[in-house]
């Protein structure tokens, strides 16, 4: 412990090292504050939209039920759905920054409504959000490099290395004390704001522990890598250059190349293509015989086959029949789209086994419930709600019953999905294993350097 206190005294005299740690702490605090503020903004938006929704439905009820026609209600009544952020969402906002978390739907064809939210300006989402995941994945390695790149070279260039190795507690333990102290302080600068933010947001202790373990494993990877480079005998400039090259390769170049390879290996069409195909099927139904449309509808929904014949002119049951047929016409494409998305998600997790930055992002986004799986789960909740809405309206449409004000009051209400805590143990274990292996290799290098310089 006295040796560690001595190392702390030496480190505290370095103004640039203390300034770097203070800057990292400041960035982490700002990232946590920004994430918490964004989560609060989303929660306020959901609450405000829900209140406006109730007010709008109350105003619409007398007008839409005046004629007692359920088709009018299904066409004009927009019902709200929402996906509330989890307590861990402030750490990694993920897809919540680019996909809708509030969506109003009606009883018409669903696919076009689900994917309308994808028509955002990509330039606005390019920079992403400044959250703790960004600090941990991209900035934390830079601070570790700054603190560790000249751990040995500075002593060698100043001529103190031989005398330092002659001390009783020199050798491998010396470098690990110094590296461990610097890495521990850098980890604390990230984890302490995260802990405070987790307490404020009500994050479960199990999630806090898993996030801390993931960050510490990532720190171990970069600490071991910095030691491997710094202990090989190069100058401080050479070490810094090599480590910056490693940072650029592991956090920018290789993930970008991996994403490009995955895009070609697992092609995924845009949701807008599904929206276009579904709309083309719906619009084309106006040119098809009404009887043929209903016959197709009755083949997949035989329980409505006993409905009265269509009268002359427009009728709502024909309109809603071809709306649902529009959804059913793109059902194979929707299934293929989701399978391709899930396949790419699995491939990305596999890529995270080789790239620690990708692995850490996957762990944080899964715990925060802001990844692709969360978005698909929200779409599933909307789909289930939309099916309940159709089931409630169809008896009035096909049995030609009046839709009264009390029926309007019984319209289904959206039930948000229950986001249970999901800790990805596989990617977390892989990240921890990478950290351990890197540190083991660095420990062996530290022993060889000590022996070589002592000789």
Protein backbone atom coordinates (compact mmCIF):
# COMPACT_ATOMS: atom_id res chain seq x y z
CA UNK A 1 0.00 0.00 0.00
CA UNK A 2 2.89 2.38 0.76
CA UNK A 3 4.26 1.75 -2.74
CA UNK A 4 0.88 2.59 -4.23
CA UNK A 5 0.72 5.81 -2.20
CA UNK A 6 4.17 6.67 -3.47
CA UNK A 7 3.03 6.15 -7.06
CA UNK A 8 0.02 8.37 -6.38
CA UNK A 9 2.29 11.14 -5.10
CA UNK A 10 4.39 10.90 -8.23
CA UNK A 11 1.32 10.93 -10.47
CA UNK A 12 -0.30 13.85 -8.65
CA UNK A 13 2.78 15.98 -9.37
CA UNK A 14 2.17 15.56 -13.11
CA UNK A 15 -0.07 18.47 -14.08
CA UNK A 16 -0.91 17.10 -17.51
CA UNK A 17 -1.91 13.71 -16.05
CA UNK A 18 -4.19 15.30 -13.47
CA UNK A 19 -5.59 17.63 -16.13
CA UNK A 20 -6.33 14.61 -18.35
CA UNK A 21 -8.15 12.81 -15.53
CA UNK A 22 -10.11 15.95 -14.68
CA UNK A 23 -11.08 16.37 -18.33
CA UNK A 24 -12.21 12.74 -18.55
CA UNK A 25 -14.28 13.16 -15.39
CA UNK A 26 -15.85 16.33 -16.78
CA UNK A 27 -16.72 14.65 -20.08
CA UNK A 28 -18.25 11.68 -18.24
CA UNK A 29 -20.35 13.97 -16.05
CA UNK A 30 -21.54 15.91 -19.10
CA UNK A 31 -22.35 12.65 -20.92
CA UNK A 32 -24.39 11.32 -17.99
CA UNK A 33 -26.15 14.67 -17.59
CA UNK A 34 -26.90 14.81 -21.32
CA UNK A 35 -28.24 11.25 -21.30
CA UNK A 36 -30.43 11.87 -18.25
CA UNK A 37 -31.76 15.08 -19.79
CA UNK A 38 -32.59 13.31 -23.06
CA UNK A 39 -34.36 10.51 -21.21
CA UNK A 40 -36.36 13.06 -19.22
CA UNK A 41 -37.25 14.87 -22.45
CA UNK A 42 -38.51 11.63 -23.98
CA UNK A 43 -40.52 10.82 -20.85
CA UNK A 44 -42.06 14.31 -20.91
CA UNK A 45 -42.86 13.92 -24.60
CA UNK A 46 -44.61 10.61 -23.97
CA UNK A 47 -46.61 12.07 -21.07
CA UNK A 48 -47.56 15.17 -23.09
CA UNK A 49 -48.61 13.13 -26.12
CA UNK A 50 -50.70 10.81 -23.93
CA UNK A 51 -52.53 13.78 -22.38
CA UNK A 52 -53.15 15.36 -25.79
CA UNK A 53 -54.33 11.98 -27.06
CA UNK A 54 -56.97 11.70 -24.36
CA UNK A 55 -58.11 15.26 -25.00
CA UNK A 56 -58.34 14.69 -28.75
CA UNK A 57 -60.33 11.45 -28.35
CA UNK A 58 -62.73 13.16 -25.97
CA UNK A 59 -63.36 15.87 -28.55
CA UNK A 60 -63.66 13.40 -31.44
CA UNK A 61 -66.06 10.94 -29.75
CA UNK A 62 -69.33 12.87 -30.38
CA UNK A 63 -68.42 13.66 -33.99
CA UNK A 64 -67.17 10.23 -35.00
CA UNK A 65 -70.04 8.31 -33.42
CA UNK A 66 -72.79 10.60 -34.67
CA UNK A 67 -73.57 8.35 -37.64
CA UNK A 68 -72.84 5.14 -35.70
CA UNK A 69 -70.35 3.96 -38.34
CA UNK A 70 -67.32 2.04 -37.11
CA UNK A 71 -65.51 2.67 -40.40
CA UNK A 72 -65.45 6.39 -39.74
CA UNK A 73 -64.03 5.78 -36.27
CA UNK A 74 -61.31 3.48 -37.55
CA UNK A 75 -60.34 5.94 -40.28
CA UNK A 76 -60.17 9.15 -38.26
CA UNK A 77 -59.26 7.99 -34.75
CA UNK A 78 -55.50 7.92 -34.21
CA UNK A 79 -54.49 6.00 -31.13
CA UNK A 80 -51.17 6.56 -29.41
CA UNK A 81 -48.41 4.03 -28.79
CA UNK A 82 -45.13 4.68 -27.02
CA UNK A 83 -41.91 3.01 -25.95
CA UNK A 84 -40.74 4.48 -22.66
CA UNK A 85 -36.97 4.59 -22.00
CA UNK A 86 -35.56 2.17 -19.46
CA UNK A 87 -33.60 3.38 -16.40
CA UNK A 88 -30.37 2.49 -18.22
CA UNK A 89 -31.23 4.33 -21.44
CA UNK A 90 -29.22 7.40 -20.40
CA UNK A 91 -26.01 5.38 -20.81
CA UNK A 92 -26.49 4.48 -24.47
CA UNK A 93 -29.39 6.01 -26.40
CA UNK A 94 -28.74 3.77 -29.40
CA UNK A 95 -31.56 3.56 -31.93
CA UNK A 96 -33.85 5.78 -29.86
CA UNK A 97 -32.07 8.68 -31.51
CA UNK A 98 -33.07 7.60 -35.03
CA UNK A 99 -36.32 5.65 -34.69
CA UNK A 100 -39.67 6.79 -33.28
CA UNK A 101 -40.51 6.08 -29.66
CA UNK A 102 -44.00 7.60 -30.01
CA UNK A 103 -46.26 6.52 -32.87
CA UNK A 104 -49.96 7.08 -33.48
CA UNK A 105 -51.73 4.37 -35.45
CA UNK A 106 -55.22 3.77 -36.80
CA UNK A 107 -57.06 0.70 -38.03
CA UNK A 108 -55.79 1.00 -41.62
CA UNK A 109 -52.89 -0.95 -43.16
CA UNK A 110 -50.15 -1.18 -40.56
CA UNK A 111 -46.83 -1.53 -42.40
CA UNK A 112 -46.92 1.94 -43.92
CA UNK A 113 -47.61 3.38 -40.47
CA UNK A 114 -44.78 1.43 -38.83
CA UNK A 115 -42.11 2.64 -41.23
CA UNK A 116 -43.16 6.22 -41.78
CA UNK A 117 -40.84 7.19 -38.92
CA UNK A 118 -37.81 6.05 -40.93
CA UNK A 119 -38.02 9.04 -43.27
CA UNK A 120 -35.73 11.24 -41.16
CA UNK A 121 -32.82 13.33 -42.39
CA UNK A 122 -29.74 11.05 -42.07
CA UNK A 123 -27.41 14.03 -41.69
CA UNK A 124 -29.15 14.97 -38.45
CA UNK A 125 -28.53 11.50 -37.00
CA UNK A 126 -24.97 11.17 -38.32
CA UNK A 127 -23.24 12.71 -35.30
CA UNK A 128 -25.29 10.69 -32.84
CA UNK A 129 -25.81 11.55 -29.20
CA UNK A 130 -23.10 12.43 -26.71
CA UNK A 131 -23.72 9.74 -24.11
CA UNK A 132 -21.59 7.67 -21.78
CA UNK A 133 -21.27 4.89 -24.34
CA UNK A 134 -19.52 7.34 -26.67
CA UNK A 135 -17.16 8.45 -23.91
CA UNK A 136 -16.36 4.88 -22.87
CA UNK A 137 -15.89 3.41 -26.35
CA UNK A 138 -14.09 6.24 -28.14
CA UNK A 139 -12.64 8.71 -25.63
CA UNK A 140 -11.60 6.52 -22.70
CA UNK A 141 -8.95 4.65 -24.78
CA UNK A 142 -7.42 7.99 -25.79
CA UNK A 143 -7.01 9.01 -22.16
CA UNK A 144 -5.52 5.61 -21.31
CA UNK A 145 -3.05 6.02 -24.16
CA UNK A 146 -2.11 9.48 -22.90
CA UNK A 147 -1.51 8.13 -19.40
CA UNK A 148 0.38 4.97 -20.35
CA UNK A 149 2.28 5.50 -23.60
CA UNK A 150 5.53 6.67 -21.94
CA UNK A 151 5.38 4.56 -18.82
CA UNK A 152 8.81 3.00 -19.52
CA UNK A 153 10.21 5.18 -22.29
CA UNK A 154 10.16 8.33 -20.16
CA UNK A 155 12.24 6.57 -17.49
CA UNK A 156 14.65 5.22 -20.10
CA UNK A 157 15.08 8.59 -21.83
CA UNK A 158 15.72 10.36 -18.52
CA UNK A 159 18.36 7.79 -17.50
CA UNK A 160 16.48 6.65 -14.40
CA UNK A 161 15.44 3.21 -15.61
CA UNK A 162 18.53 1.26 -14.45
CA UNK A 163 18.35 2.78 -10.97
CA UNK A 164 14.62 2.21 -10.85
CA UNK A 165 14.99 -1.49 -11.69
CA UNK A 166 17.60 -1.87 -8.97
CA UNK A 167 15.05 -1.02 -6.27
CA UNK A 168 13.76 -3.92 -4.13
CA UNK A 169 10.19 -3.69 -5.48
CA UNK A 170 11.10 -3.10 -9.10
CA UNK A 171 10.36 -5.40 -12.01
CA UNK A 172 6.99 -6.54 -13.30
CA UNK A 173 5.15 -5.34 -10.18
CA UNK A 174 6.41 -1.77 -10.69
CA UNK A 175 4.89 -1.38 -14.13
CA UNK A 176 1.62 -2.98 -13.07
CA UNK A 177 1.39 -0.66 -10.06
CA UNK A 178 1.83 2.37 -12.22
CA UNK A 179 -0.42 1.14 -15.00
CA UNK A 180 -3.05 -0.13 -12.56
CA UNK A 181 -3.18 3.19 -10.73
CA UNK A 182 -3.63 5.17 -13.93
CA UNK A 183 -6.17 2.75 -15.38
CA UNK A 184 -8.06 2.62 -12.09
CA UNK A 185 -8.30 6.41 -11.88
CA UNK A 186 -9.45 6.63 -15.50
CA UNK A 187 -12.06 3.93 -14.82
CA UNK A 188 -13.27 5.80 -11.75
CA UNK A 189 -13.68 8.98 -13.80
CA UNK A 190 -16.16 7.10 -16.02
CA UNK A 191 -17.80 4.79 -13.49
CA UNK A 192 -18.49 7.28 -10.70
CA UNK A 193 -20.73 9.54 -12.86
CA UNK A 194 -22.37 6.39 -14.21
CA UNK A 195 -23.07 5.22 -10.66
CA UNK A 196 -24.60 8.56 -9.70
CA UNK A 197 -26.72 8.59 -12.86
CA UNK A 198 -27.82 5.02 -12.23
CA UNK A 199 -28.94 5.88 -8.70
CA UNK A 200 -30.84 8.94 -9.98
CA UNK A 201 -32.60 6.92 -12.70
CA UNK A 202 -33.33 3.92 -10.47
CA UNK A 203 -31.05 1.48 -12.28
CA UNK A 204 -30.98 -2.00 -10.63
CA UNK A 205 -27.79 -2.99 -8.86
CA UNK A 206 -27.36 -6.01 -11.16
CA UNK A 207 -27.35 -3.74 -14.21
CA UNK A 208 -24.87 -1.36 -12.56
CA UNK A 209 -22.55 -4.27 -11.79
CA UNK A 210 -22.77 -5.61 -15.36
CA UNK A 211 -22.06 -2.19 -16.88
CA UNK A 212 -19.12 -1.65 -14.52
CA UNK A 213 -17.73 -5.09 -15.40
CA UNK A 214 -18.01 -4.33 -19.13
CA UNK A 215 -16.24 -0.97 -18.78
CA UNK A 216 -13.49 -2.47 -16.60
CA UNK A 217 -12.96 -5.29 -19.11
CA UNK A 218 -12.66 -2.70 -21.87
CA UNK A 219 -10.18 -0.72 -19.77
CA UNK A 220 -8.19 -3.93 -19.22
CA UNK A 221 -8.01 -4.46 -22.99
CA UNK A 222 -6.57 -1.01 -23.62
CA UNK A 223 -4.33 -1.06 -20.56
CA UNK A 224 -2.82 -4.36 -21.66
CA UNK A 225 -2.42 -3.11 -25.22
CA UNK A 226 -0.76 0.12 -24.03
CA UNK A 227 1.65 -1.90 -21.90
CA UNK A 228 2.44 -4.27 -24.76
CA UNK A 229 3.39 -1.31 -26.96
CA UNK A 230 5.04 0.76 -24.25
CA UNK A 231 7.22 -2.06 -22.92
CA UNK A 232 8.72 -3.09 -26.24
CA UNK A 233 11.56 -0.57 -25.99
CA UNK A 234 10.49 2.16 -28.40
CA UNK A 235 10.65 5.91 -27.86
CA UNK A 236 7.72 7.86 -26.44
CA UNK A 237 6.88 9.28 -29.86
CA UNK A 238 6.94 5.82 -31.46
CA UNK A 239 4.76 4.39 -28.69
CA UNK A 240 2.22 7.19 -28.99
CA UNK A 241 2.11 6.82 -32.78
CA UNK A 242 1.64 3.06 -32.59
CA UNK A 243 -1.10 3.32 -29.97
CA UNK A 244 -2.96 6.01 -31.90
CA UNK A 245 -2.81 3.74 -34.93
CA UNK A 246 -4.27 0.92 -32.83
CA UNK A 247 -7.03 3.24 -31.60
CA UNK A 248 -7.92 4.35 -35.12
CA UNK A 249 -7.91 0.76 -36.38
CA UNK A 250 -9.89 -0.79 -33.51
CA UNK A 251 -12.49 1.94 -33.01
CA UNK A 252 -12.90 3.47 -36.48
CA UNK A 253 -11.43 1.58 -39.42
CA UNK A 254 -12.14 -2.07 -38.57
CA UNK A 255 -15.72 -1.48 -37.30
CA UNK A 256 -16.46 0.50 -40.48
CA UNK A 257 -15.00 -2.22 -42.68
CA UNK A 258 -16.83 -4.87 -40.67
CA UNK A 259 -20.11 -3.02 -41.11
CA UNK A 260 -19.49 -2.75 -44.85
CA UNK A 261 -18.78 -6.48 -45.08
CA UNK A 262 -21.91 -7.29 -43.06
CA UNK A 263 -24.00 -5.02 -45.28
CA UNK A 264 -22.88 -6.97 -48.34
CA UNK A 265 -23.05 -10.39 -46.70
CA UNK A 266 -26.46 -9.80 -45.08
CA UNK A 267 -28.34 -7.32 -47.28
CA UNK A 268 -31.36 -5.68 -45.65
CA UNK A 269 -33.88 -3.64 -47.57
CA UNK A 270 -35.11 -0.41 -46.03
CA UNK A 271 -38.41 -0.30 -44.17
CA UNK A 272 -39.47 2.38 -46.63
CA UNK A 273 -39.45 -0.31 -49.34
CA UNK A 274 -41.99 -2.32 -47.32
CA UNK A 275 -44.08 0.82 -46.90
CA UNK A 276 -44.02 1.45 -50.65
CA UNK A 277 -44.91 -2.16 -51.52
CA UNK A 278 -47.80 -2.17 -49.04
CA UNK A 279 -49.14 1.14 -50.33
CA UNK A 280 -48.95 -0.06 -53.92
CA UNK A 281 -50.99 -3.12 -52.97
CA UNK A 282 -53.58 -0.96 -51.19
CA UNK A 283 -53.85 1.62 -53.97
CA UNK A 284 -54.09 -1.12 -56.59
CA UNK A 285 -57.13 -2.57 -54.79
CA UNK A 286 -59.25 0.35 -55.99
CA UNK A 287 -58.99 -1.08 -59.51
CA UNK A 288 -59.97 -4.60 -58.45
CA UNK A 289 -63.56 -5.84 -58.26
CA UNK A 290 -65.01 -5.39 -54.79
CA UNK A 291 -66.41 -8.91 -54.82
CA UNK A 292 -63.02 -10.37 -55.74
CA UNK A 293 -61.39 -8.40 -52.91
CA UNK A 294 -63.89 -9.67 -50.35
CA UNK A 295 -63.55 -13.22 -51.67
CA UNK A 296 -59.78 -13.04 -51.08
CA UNK A 297 -60.37 -11.59 -47.63
CA UNK A 298 -62.85 -14.33 -46.69
CA UNK A 299 -60.39 -17.05 -47.68
CA UNK A 300 -58.01 -15.92 -44.92
CA UNK A 301 -60.81 -14.77 -42.55
CA UNK A 302 -63.66 -17.24 -43.07
CA UNK A 303 -65.46 -16.24 -39.84
CA UNK A 304 -66.66 -13.04 -41.57
CA UNK A 305 -67.93 -14.87 -44.63
CA UNK A 306 -71.58 -14.61 -43.58
CA UNK A 307 -71.69 -10.87 -44.02
CA UNK A 308 -74.45 -9.25 -46.06
CA UNK A 309 -73.77 -8.56 -49.75
CA UNK A 310 -72.17 -5.27 -50.63
CA UNK A 311 -74.63 -2.52 -51.49
CA UNK A 312 -74.09 -0.19 -54.41
CA UNK A 313 -71.39 2.41 -53.85
CA UNK A 314 -68.72 2.62 -51.22
CA UNK A 315 -68.79 0.41 -48.10
CA UNK A 316 -66.36 0.44 -45.21
CA UNK A 317 -66.06 -3.33 -44.87
CA UNK A 318 -64.69 -3.57 -48.39
CA UNK A 319 -62.28 -0.71 -47.65
CA UNK A 320 -60.91 -2.34 -44.48
CA UNK A 321 -60.75 -5.73 -46.20
CA UNK A 322 -58.31 -4.49 -48.84
CA UNK A 323 -56.39 -2.54 -46.21
CA UNK A 324 -55.71 -5.77 -44.34
CA UNK A 325 -55.00 -7.60 -47.59
CA UNK A 326 -52.35 -4.95 -48.24
CA UNK A 327 -50.61 -5.94 -45.03
CA UNK A 328 -50.95 -9.63 -45.80
CA UNK A 329 -49.53 -9.14 -49.31
CA UNK A 330 -46.19 -7.95 -47.87
CA UNK A 331 -46.13 -10.41 -44.94
CA UNK A 332 -43.40 -12.59 -46.58
CA UNK A 333 -41.30 -9.48 -47.19
CA UNK A 334 -41.80 -8.35 -43.60
CA UNK A 335 -40.71 -11.75 -42.29
CA UNK A 336 -37.62 -11.73 -44.54
CA UNK A 337 -36.85 -8.16 -43.46
CA UNK A 338 -36.94 -9.06 -39.78
CA UNK A 339 -34.90 -12.22 -40.28
CA UNK A 340 -32.25 -10.23 -42.15
CA UNK A 341 -32.15 -7.64 -39.37
CA UNK A 342 -31.75 -10.34 -36.73
CA UNK A 343 -29.06 -12.07 -38.79
CA UNK A 344 -27.13 -8.81 -39.03
CA UNK A 345 -27.58 -8.32 -35.28
CA UNK A 346 -26.07 -11.75 -34.62
CA UNK A 347 -23.22 -11.02 -37.02
CA UNK A 348 -22.52 -7.73 -35.25
CA UNK A 349 -22.34 -9.55 -31.92
CA UNK A 350 -19.86 -11.97 -33.49
CA UNK A 351 -17.81 -9.02 -34.70
CA UNK A 352 -17.81 -7.74 -31.13
CA UNK A 353 -15.90 -10.87 -30.08
CA UNK A 354 -12.92 -9.61 -32.11
CA UNK A 355 -13.34 -5.85 -31.63
CA UNK A 356 -13.67 -4.79 -27.96
CA UNK A 357 -15.27 -1.45 -28.86
CA UNK A 358 -18.05 -3.16 -30.81
CA UNK A 359 -18.48 -5.65 -27.97
CA UNK A 360 -18.78 -2.90 -25.36
CA UNK A 361 -21.36 -1.06 -27.46
CA UNK A 362 -23.38 -4.25 -27.86
CA UNK A 363 -23.35 -4.85 -24.10
CA UNK A 364 -24.32 -1.28 -23.19
CA UNK A 365 -27.08 -1.03 -25.80
CA UNK A 366 -28.58 -4.36 -24.77
CA UNK A 367 -28.61 -3.47 -21.07
CA UNK A 368 -30.04 -0.04 -21.93
CA UNK A 369 -32.63 -1.73 -24.17
CA UNK A 370 -31.92 0.69 -27.01
CA UNK A 371 -30.71 -1.73 -29.68
CA UNK A 372 -32.39 -3.39 -32.64
CA UNK A 373 -34.06 -6.03 -30.45
CA UNK A 374 -35.75 -3.27 -28.45
CA UNK A 375 -37.00 -1.57 -31.61
CA UNK A 376 -38.41 -4.82 -32.98
CA UNK A 377 -40.09 -5.53 -29.63
CA UNK A 378 -41.78 -2.11 -29.81
CA UNK A 379 -43.01 -2.90 -33.33
CA UNK A 380 -44.37 -6.22 -32.06
CA UNK A 381 -46.27 -4.38 -29.32
CA UNK A 382 -47.74 -2.01 -31.92
CA UNK A 383 -48.70 -4.95 -34.13
CA UNK A 384 -50.49 -6.67 -31.24
CA UNK A 385 -52.32 -3.45 -30.37
CA UNK A 386 -53.32 -2.91 -34.01
CA UNK A 387 -54.71 -6.45 -34.16
CA UNK A 388 -56.83 -5.76 -31.04
CA UNK A 389 -58.14 -2.58 -32.64
CA UNK A 390 -59.19 -4.44 -35.78
CA UNK A 391 -60.80 -7.21 -33.76
CA UNK A 392 -62.90 -4.66 -31.90
CA UNK A 393 -64.02 -2.78 -35.02
CA UNK A 394 -64.65 -5.68 -37.40
CA UNK A 395 -67.88 -6.96 -35.75
CA UNK A 396 -69.43 -3.54 -36.24
CA UNK A 397 -68.21 -3.37 -39.84
CA UNK A 398 -69.11 -6.84 -41.09
CA UNK A 399 -72.25 -7.30 -38.99
CA UNK A 400 -73.27 -3.71 -39.78
CA UNK A 401 -73.92 -2.80 -36.17
CA UNK A 402 -74.08 0.77 -34.91
CA UNK A 403 -71.01 2.09 -33.18
CA UNK A 404 -72.17 4.17 -30.22
CA UNK A 405 -70.39 6.54 -27.85
CA UNK A 406 -69.99 3.82 -25.21
CA UNK A 407 -68.31 1.63 -27.84
CA UNK A 408 -65.89 4.45 -28.59
CA UNK A 409 -65.01 4.64 -24.90
CA UNK A 410 -64.14 0.92 -25.02
CA UNK A 411 -61.57 1.29 -27.79
CA UNK A 412 -58.43 -0.61 -26.83
CA UNK A 413 -55.64 1.25 -25.08
CA UNK A 414 -52.04 0.55 -25.90
CA UNK A 415 -50.17 -1.58 -23.39
CA UNK A 416 -46.44 -0.81 -23.54
CA UNK A 417 -44.07 -3.71 -23.51
CA UNK A 418 -42.48 -4.68 -20.22
CA UNK A 419 -38.75 -4.16 -20.72
CA UNK A 420 -37.10 -6.72 -18.46
CA UNK A 421 -33.42 -6.41 -17.59
CA UNK A 422 -31.43 -8.40 -20.15
CA UNK A 423 -27.72 -8.79 -19.46
CA UNK A 424 -25.85 -10.23 -22.48
CA UNK A 425 -23.62 -12.65 -20.62
CA UNK A 426 -22.00 -14.03 -23.76
CA UNK A 427 -20.63 -10.72 -25.13
CA UNK A 428 -19.77 -9.65 -21.59
CA UNK A 429 -17.77 -12.83 -20.98
CA UNK A 430 -16.02 -12.44 -24.33
CA UNK A 431 -15.06 -8.86 -23.46
CA UNK A 432 -13.75 -9.96 -20.07
CA UNK A 433 -11.75 -12.78 -21.66
CA UNK A 434 -10.18 -10.35 -24.12
CA UNK A 435 -9.19 -8.08 -21.25
CA UNK A 436 -7.66 -10.94 -19.28
CA UNK A 437 -5.69 -12.29 -22.27
CA UNK A 438 -4.35 -8.85 -23.15
CA UNK A 439 -3.23 -8.26 -19.57
CA UNK A 440 -1.56 -11.70 -19.40
CA UNK A 441 0.43 -10.92 -22.54
CA UNK A 442 1.36 -7.53 -21.11
CA UNK A 443 2.50 -9.15 -17.85
CA UNK A 444 4.84 -11.44 -19.77
CA UNK A 445 6.19 -8.45 -21.70
CA UNK A 446 6.74 -6.55 -18.45
CA UNK A 447 8.86 -9.38 -17.08
CA UNK A 448 11.01 -9.52 -20.22
CA UNK A 449 11.56 -5.77 -20.26
CA UNK A 450 12.59 -5.75 -16.62
CA UNK A 451 15.08 -8.57 -17.23
CA UNK A 452 16.52 -7.04 -20.41
CA UNK A 453 17.01 -3.57 -18.95
CA UNK A 454 18.44 -4.93 -15.73
CA UNK A 455 21.00 -6.88 -17.75
